[in-house]
């Protein structure tokens, strides 16, 4: 069964920043309603929390250290140890020499693959090509260039390597054609390269702006203290659109009695943010944020929770750096 590390494509020794970056990359093109999005986010929620990650690591099987099991095949010793310099024809009688000569191609000594390929007997060099005999021709006065030698086993790339490289190249080409064929991609459209480059730059700027705004909003939007609820509301309301402000005020009217009774104090810290959707005009964006909450309440031990939420952000102008929250969703089925 795959682990959470494998799901996010990181090693078990990965640092928090590496896990955060892997999650951000994984959900970049997914909607919050996508089941795989929730799987990525749930994995990051565990691995970004030190205590939950330690508990999860304890449940995993220990990392197996690979053992080098390479065995060098020994070179066979001659059958007649007493004959060292003599060839097969000299060491055997006439009949035995003929038999040895007929069997030589099929009884070649094992090849030590650790030696250079120049030491490999021709009988086992299956990559070499044996030229067919040709009819004698008249001598030529012109100089003939030397015949190229067949590549040795060590210099020629393995067939599976060439296949993998070819497949990767085809996939890259197919992906490039797919992207270019999209509206505004430039392959079947009239968009000039300069327009495409400018649009890409605008989207990149909007992405960084929205993600940064979402991370900065988290503390003021999701922190509160039963002793300073009015000040908390003032900071929170300044980040909301008119529609979201109305919904938030209604929600806090219901929550305030319990917050005061339990003397709740919640300090929220942003841990990561990733864009999942951006409108074509870059005026609306959907950003998923991970955050940590340190919670203190009357009669209970302090605790810490790691959560994630979806922010729908809007701005009035494409060049504006100020975003407002038009919706906040903390459910798994956020749209």
Protein backbone atom coordinates (compact mmCIF):
# COMPACT_ATOMS: atom_id res chain seq x y z
CA UNK A 1 0.00 0.00 0.00
CA UNK A 2 1.33 3.43 -0.93
CA UNK A 3 2.30 5.73 1.89
CA UNK A 4 1.42 9.40 2.26
CA UNK A 5 4.99 10.20 1.27
CA UNK A 6 4.60 8.28 -1.99
CA UNK A 7 1.27 9.97 -2.66
CA UNK A 8 2.93 13.39 -2.49
CA UNK A 9 6.07 12.17 -4.24
CA UNK A 10 8.53 12.96 -1.44
CA UNK A 11 11.00 10.92 0.59
CA UNK A 12 10.32 9.98 4.20
CA UNK A 13 13.17 12.26 5.20
CA UNK A 14 11.63 15.26 3.36
CA UNK A 15 11.64 18.58 5.18
CA UNK A 16 8.43 20.50 5.90
CA UNK A 17 9.12 23.00 3.12
CA UNK A 18 9.57 20.17 0.61
CA UNK A 19 6.28 18.56 1.65
CA UNK A 20 4.50 21.90 1.45
CA UNK A 21 5.89 22.52 -2.05
CA UNK A 22 4.92 19.00 -3.18
CA UNK A 23 1.33 19.46 -1.97
CA UNK A 24 1.13 22.86 -3.64
CA UNK A 25 2.27 21.38 -6.94
CA UNK A 26 -0.08 18.40 -6.66
CA UNK A 27 -3.27 20.47 -6.16
CA UNK A 28 -2.35 23.29 -8.55
CA UNK A 29 -4.72 22.12 -11.30
CA UNK A 30 -7.38 20.41 -9.19
CA UNK A 31 -10.74 21.61 -7.92
CA UNK A 32 -11.49 21.25 -4.21
CA UNK A 33 -14.36 18.93 -5.13
CA UNK A 34 -12.01 16.45 -6.81
CA UNK A 35 -11.51 13.33 -4.65
CA UNK A 36 -7.78 13.28 -5.42
CA UNK A 37 -7.56 16.85 -4.18
CA UNK A 38 -8.92 15.76 -0.80
CA UNK A 39 -6.45 12.84 -0.77
CA UNK A 40 -3.49 15.15 -1.35
CA UNK A 41 -4.73 17.62 1.24
CA UNK A 42 -5.35 14.93 3.85
CA UNK A 43 -1.83 13.59 3.30
CA UNK A 44 -0.32 17.04 3.67
CA UNK A 45 -2.42 17.68 6.78
CA UNK A 46 -0.76 14.72 8.49
CA UNK A 47 2.78 15.30 7.25
CA UNK A 48 2.79 19.04 8.01
CA UNK A 49 1.88 18.38 11.65
CA UNK A 50 4.97 17.27 13.57
CA UNK A 51 3.12 15.16 16.14
CA UNK A 52 0.82 13.45 13.64
CA UNK A 53 3.74 12.83 11.29
CA UNK A 54 5.78 11.23 14.07
CA UNK A 55 2.86 8.95 14.95
CA UNK A 56 2.36 8.06 11.29
CA UNK A 57 6.07 7.31 10.81
CA UNK A 58 5.95 4.96 13.78
CA UNK A 59 3.23 2.95 12.03
CA UNK A 60 5.21 2.57 8.81
CA UNK A 61 7.50 -0.38 8.24
CA UNK A 62 11.19 0.45 8.71
CA UNK A 63 13.02 1.60 5.62
CA UNK A 64 14.79 -1.33 4.00
CA UNK A 65 18.44 -0.75 3.13
CA UNK A 66 19.22 -2.28 -0.27
CA UNK A 67 21.89 -5.00 -0.17
CA UNK A 68 24.34 -5.35 -3.00
CA UNK A 69 23.87 -8.95 -4.12
CA UNK A 70 26.04 -8.70 -7.24
CA UNK A 71 28.00 -11.88 -7.70
CA UNK A 72 30.93 -12.02 -10.09
CA UNK A 73 30.71 -15.19 -12.14
CA UNK A 74 33.98 -17.13 -11.78
CA UNK A 75 36.03 -17.96 -14.83
CA UNK A 76 36.08 -21.68 -15.51
CA UNK A 77 39.42 -23.43 -15.06
CA UNK A 78 40.79 -25.59 -17.91
CA UNK A 79 39.98 -29.26 -17.56
CA UNK A 80 43.61 -30.28 -17.85
CA UNK A 81 45.48 -28.22 -15.29
CA UNK A 82 48.75 -29.77 -16.34
CA UNK A 83 48.60 -28.31 -19.85
CA UNK A 84 49.01 -24.52 -19.68
CA UNK A 85 50.54 -23.30 -22.91
CA UNK A 86 49.45 -26.04 -25.29
CA UNK A 87 46.39 -25.49 -27.47
CA UNK A 88 43.57 -27.98 -27.85
CA UNK A 89 45.11 -29.57 -30.91
CA UNK A 90 48.42 -30.21 -29.14
CA UNK A 91 46.93 -31.44 -25.89
CA UNK A 92 44.60 -34.00 -27.45
CA UNK A 93 44.94 -36.71 -30.03
CA UNK A 94 43.84 -36.28 -33.65
CA UNK A 95 40.27 -37.41 -33.03
CA UNK A 96 39.94 -35.50 -29.79
CA UNK A 97 41.29 -32.29 -31.40
CA UNK A 98 38.61 -32.49 -34.10
CA UNK A 99 35.89 -32.92 -31.51
CA UNK A 100 37.26 -30.02 -29.44
CA UNK A 101 37.33 -27.79 -32.52
CA UNK A 102 33.71 -28.61 -33.37
CA UNK A 103 32.57 -27.94 -29.80
CA UNK A 104 34.55 -24.71 -29.23
CA UNK A 105 31.79 -22.27 -30.25
CA UNK A 106 29.27 -23.75 -27.81
CA UNK A 107 31.59 -24.23 -24.83
CA UNK A 108 33.11 -20.78 -24.52
CA UNK A 109 34.29 -19.85 -21.05
CA UNK A 110 31.91 -17.68 -18.96
CA UNK A 111 32.45 -13.96 -19.49
CA UNK A 112 33.37 -11.70 -16.60
CA UNK A 113 31.09 -8.69 -17.17
CA UNK A 114 33.34 -6.54 -14.98
CA UNK A 115 36.12 -6.63 -17.62
CA UNK A 116 36.29 -4.21 -20.59
CA UNK A 117 34.33 -5.38 -23.59
CA UNK A 118 37.56 -5.63 -25.58
CA UNK A 119 38.34 -8.78 -23.56
CA UNK A 120 35.03 -10.45 -24.46
CA UNK A 121 35.52 -13.38 -26.87
CA UNK A 122 34.08 -12.85 -30.33
CA UNK A 123 31.90 -15.92 -29.88
CA UNK A 124 29.77 -14.16 -27.26
CA UNK A 125 29.85 -10.61 -28.66
CA UNK A 126 26.31 -10.83 -30.03
CA UNK A 127 26.26 -7.12 -30.81
CA UNK A 128 29.09 -7.57 -33.37
CA UNK A 129 28.16 -8.04 -37.00
CA UNK A 130 29.93 -10.75 -39.07
CA UNK A 131 30.31 -9.50 -42.65
CA UNK A 132 29.23 -11.86 -45.38
CA UNK A 133 31.94 -13.00 -47.85
CA UNK A 134 31.98 -10.99 -51.06
CA UNK A 135 33.31 -11.81 -54.50
CA UNK A 136 36.85 -10.68 -55.22
CA UNK A 137 37.07 -7.38 -57.06
CA UNK A 138 39.77 -5.58 -58.98
CA UNK A 139 42.23 -3.65 -56.88
CA UNK A 140 41.34 0.00 -56.49
CA UNK A 141 43.89 2.75 -56.65
CA UNK A 142 41.80 5.05 -54.44
CA UNK A 143 42.15 4.85 -50.70
CA UNK A 144 39.20 3.21 -48.98
CA UNK A 145 38.12 4.62 -45.60
CA UNK A 146 38.25 2.09 -42.79
CA UNK A 147 35.08 0.16 -42.12
CA UNK A 148 33.33 1.49 -38.96
CA UNK A 149 33.50 -0.94 -36.08
CA UNK A 150 30.28 -2.18 -34.51
CA UNK A 151 29.65 -0.43 -31.16
CA UNK A 152 30.63 -2.46 -28.15
CA UNK A 153 28.11 -3.49 -25.52
CA UNK A 154 29.47 -0.92 -23.07
CA UNK A 155 29.19 2.08 -25.45
CA UNK A 156 25.74 1.37 -26.88
CA UNK A 157 22.76 2.53 -24.74
CA UNK A 158 20.46 -0.25 -23.63
CA UNK A 159 17.28 -0.71 -25.65
CA UNK A 160 15.00 0.15 -22.74
CA UNK A 161 16.87 3.43 -22.22
CA UNK A 162 16.30 4.46 -25.82
CA UNK A 163 12.67 3.42 -25.51
CA UNK A 164 12.19 5.47 -22.34
CA UNK A 165 13.81 8.53 -23.89
CA UNK A 166 11.67 8.20 -27.00
CA UNK A 167 8.49 7.79 -24.97
CA UNK A 168 9.30 10.80 -22.80
CA UNK A 169 9.95 12.91 -25.89
CA UNK A 170 6.64 11.87 -27.44
CA UNK A 171 4.76 12.62 -24.22
CA UNK A 172 6.39 16.03 -23.95
CA UNK A 173 5.51 16.81 -27.54
CA UNK A 174 1.92 15.65 -27.06
CA UNK A 175 1.56 17.78 -23.92
CA UNK A 176 2.97 20.83 -25.71
CA UNK A 177 0.54 20.37 -28.59
CA UNK A 178 -2.35 19.91 -26.15
CA UNK A 179 -1.50 23.10 -24.28
CA UNK A 180 -1.00 25.09 -27.44
CA UNK A 181 -4.30 23.82 -28.82
CA UNK A 182 -6.22 25.25 -25.87
CA UNK A 183 -8.03 28.59 -26.26
CA UNK A 184 -5.34 31.21 -26.34
CA UNK A 185 -2.64 28.56 -26.72
CA UNK A 186 -1.45 30.01 -29.99
CA UNK A 187 -1.41 26.87 -32.18
CA UNK A 188 -4.82 27.22 -33.80
CA UNK A 189 -5.53 30.76 -32.69
CA UNK A 190 -4.61 34.24 -33.78
CA UNK A 191 -2.87 35.23 -30.53
CA UNK A 192 0.54 36.73 -31.10
CA UNK A 193 3.42 35.27 -29.04
CA UNK A 194 3.74 38.59 -27.24
CA UNK A 195 0.07 38.45 -26.18
CA UNK A 196 0.45 34.88 -24.94
CA UNK A 197 3.55 35.80 -22.95
CA UNK A 198 1.80 38.79 -21.41
CA UNK A 199 -1.22 36.69 -20.45
CA UNK A 200 1.02 34.08 -18.82
CA UNK A 201 2.84 36.81 -16.91
CA UNK A 202 -0.49 38.26 -15.72
CA UNK A 203 -1.67 34.86 -14.48
CA UNK A 204 1.62 34.24 -12.67
CA UNK A 205 1.42 37.65 -10.99
CA UNK A 206 -2.20 37.05 -9.99
CA UNK A 207 -1.35 33.60 -8.61
CA UNK A 208 1.44 34.87 -6.38
CA UNK A 209 -0.67 37.81 -5.28
CA UNK A 210 -3.69 35.67 -4.35
CA UNK A 211 -1.64 33.04 -2.50
CA UNK A 212 0.24 35.69 -0.56
CA UNK A 213 -2.98 37.52 0.34
CA UNK A 214 -4.61 34.29 1.56
CA UNK A 215 -1.66 33.47 3.83
CA UNK A 216 -1.66 36.98 5.30
CA UNK A 217 -5.41 36.87 5.94
CA UNK A 218 -5.38 33.67 7.98
CA UNK A 219 -4.32 35.11 11.37
CA UNK A 220 -6.85 38.00 11.31
CA UNK A 221 -9.61 35.93 9.76
CA UNK A 222 -9.44 32.82 11.95
CA UNK A 223 -7.95 34.00 15.27
CA UNK A 224 -10.07 35.25 18.16
CA UNK A 225 -10.03 35.80 21.91
CA UNK A 226 -13.08 35.89 24.14
CA UNK A 227 -11.65 39.02 25.80
CA UNK A 228 -11.22 41.01 22.55
CA UNK A 229 -14.09 39.90 20.31
CA UNK A 230 -14.94 43.42 19.14
CA UNK A 231 -11.38 44.14 18.01
CA UNK A 232 -11.16 40.71 16.40
CA UNK A 233 -14.37 41.37 14.47
CA UNK A 234 -13.06 44.72 13.24
CA UNK A 235 -9.91 43.16 11.79
CA UNK A 236 -11.87 40.27 10.32
CA UNK A 237 -14.60 42.34 8.72
CA UNK A 238 -12.07 44.53 6.88
CA UNK A 239 -11.08 41.46 4.83
CA UNK A 240 -14.58 40.47 3.71
CA UNK A 241 -16.88 41.40 0.84
CA UNK A 242 -20.36 42.67 1.67
CA UNK A 243 -21.92 39.26 1.02
CA UNK A 244 -19.41 37.39 3.17
CA UNK A 245 -19.60 40.03 5.90
CA UNK A 246 -23.31 39.42 6.31
CA UNK A 247 -22.81 35.66 6.53
CA UNK A 248 -19.92 36.02 9.00
CA UNK A 249 -21.83 38.33 11.33
CA UNK A 250 -24.74 35.89 11.42
CA UNK A 251 -22.37 33.03 12.24
CA UNK A 252 -20.61 34.92 15.03
CA UNK A 253 -23.91 35.92 16.60
CA UNK A 254 -24.46 32.19 17.19
CA UNK A 255 -20.90 31.40 18.28
CA UNK A 256 -20.22 34.29 20.67
CA UNK A 257 -22.09 32.89 23.75
CA UNK A 258 -20.12 29.62 23.62
CA UNK A 259 -16.82 31.44 23.01
CA UNK A 260 -17.36 33.63 26.07
CA UNK A 261 -18.64 30.81 28.29
CA UNK A 262 -15.69 28.55 27.47
CA UNK A 263 -13.24 31.45 27.47
CA UNK A 264 -11.84 30.39 24.14
CA UNK A 265 -8.57 31.79 22.85
CA UNK A 266 -7.51 30.73 19.36
CA UNK A 267 -4.28 31.78 17.69
CA UNK A 268 -4.14 30.78 14.01
CA UNK A 269 -0.98 30.56 11.91
CA UNK A 270 -0.79 30.00 8.16
CA UNK A 271 1.40 27.12 7.01
CA UNK A 272 0.85 26.91 3.24
CA UNK A 273 -1.36 28.20 0.44
CA UNK A 274 -1.95 26.96 -3.08
CA UNK A 275 -4.02 28.31 -5.95
CA UNK A 276 -6.55 25.87 -7.41
CA UNK A 277 -8.55 28.12 -9.75
CA UNK A 278 -8.14 31.51 -11.43
CA UNK A 279 -10.64 33.34 -13.64
CA UNK A 280 -9.56 34.38 -17.12
CA UNK A 281 -9.64 38.05 -16.14
CA UNK A 282 -7.63 37.24 -12.97
CA UNK A 283 -10.22 39.02 -10.80
CA UNK A 284 -11.36 35.93 -8.86
CA UNK A 285 -9.24 33.16 -7.39
CA UNK A 286 -9.74 30.03 -5.30
CA UNK A 287 -6.93 29.31 -2.84
CA UNK A 288 -6.57 26.42 -0.41
CA UNK A 289 -4.74 27.28 2.81
CA UNK A 290 -3.31 25.05 5.51
CA UNK A 291 -3.24 26.54 8.96
CA UNK A 292 -2.47 25.61 12.55
CA UNK A 293 -4.60 26.67 15.55
CA UNK A 294 -3.35 26.82 19.12
CA UNK A 295 -6.45 26.59 21.31
CA UNK A 296 -6.86 27.43 24.98
CA UNK A 297 -10.20 27.04 26.78
CA UNK A 298 -11.49 27.05 30.32
CA UNK A 299 -10.97 23.80 32.20
CA UNK A 300 -9.15 22.04 29.35
CA UNK A 301 -5.56 21.41 28.41
CA UNK A 302 -4.16 23.53 25.57
CA UNK A 303 -4.24 21.77 22.24
CA UNK A 304 -3.12 22.29 18.67
CA UNK A 305 -5.06 21.49 15.52
CA UNK A 306 -3.97 21.47 11.88
CA UNK A 307 -6.71 22.26 9.37
CA UNK A 308 -7.27 23.49 5.85
CA UNK A 309 -9.88 25.71 4.25
CA UNK A 310 -10.81 27.10 0.84
CA UNK A 311 -10.87 30.86 0.30
CA UNK A 312 -12.66 32.43 -2.65
CA UNK A 313 -10.94 35.75 -3.25
CA UNK A 314 -11.94 38.71 -5.44
CA UNK A 315 -10.34 42.00 -6.43
CA UNK A 316 -11.63 45.05 -8.30
CA UNK A 317 -8.77 45.51 -10.74
CA UNK A 318 -6.34 43.14 -12.47
CA UNK A 319 -3.40 45.11 -11.14
CA UNK A 320 -4.71 45.45 -7.57
CA UNK A 321 -2.79 43.77 -4.77
CA UNK A 322 -5.68 43.91 -2.30
CA UNK A 323 -7.99 40.90 -2.29
CA UNK A 324 -11.18 40.36 -0.31
CA UNK A 325 -12.67 37.10 0.91
CA UNK A 326 -15.96 36.35 -0.79
CA UNK A 327 -16.40 32.89 0.73
CA UNK A 328 -14.73 30.58 3.23
CA UNK A 329 -15.32 26.84 3.25
CA UNK A 330 -13.87 24.34 5.73
CA UNK A 331 -15.78 21.26 4.55
CA UNK A 332 -14.38 18.42 2.46
CA UNK A 333 -16.95 19.12 -0.27
CA UNK A 334 -16.00 22.76 -0.86
CA UNK A 335 -16.68 24.04 -4.37
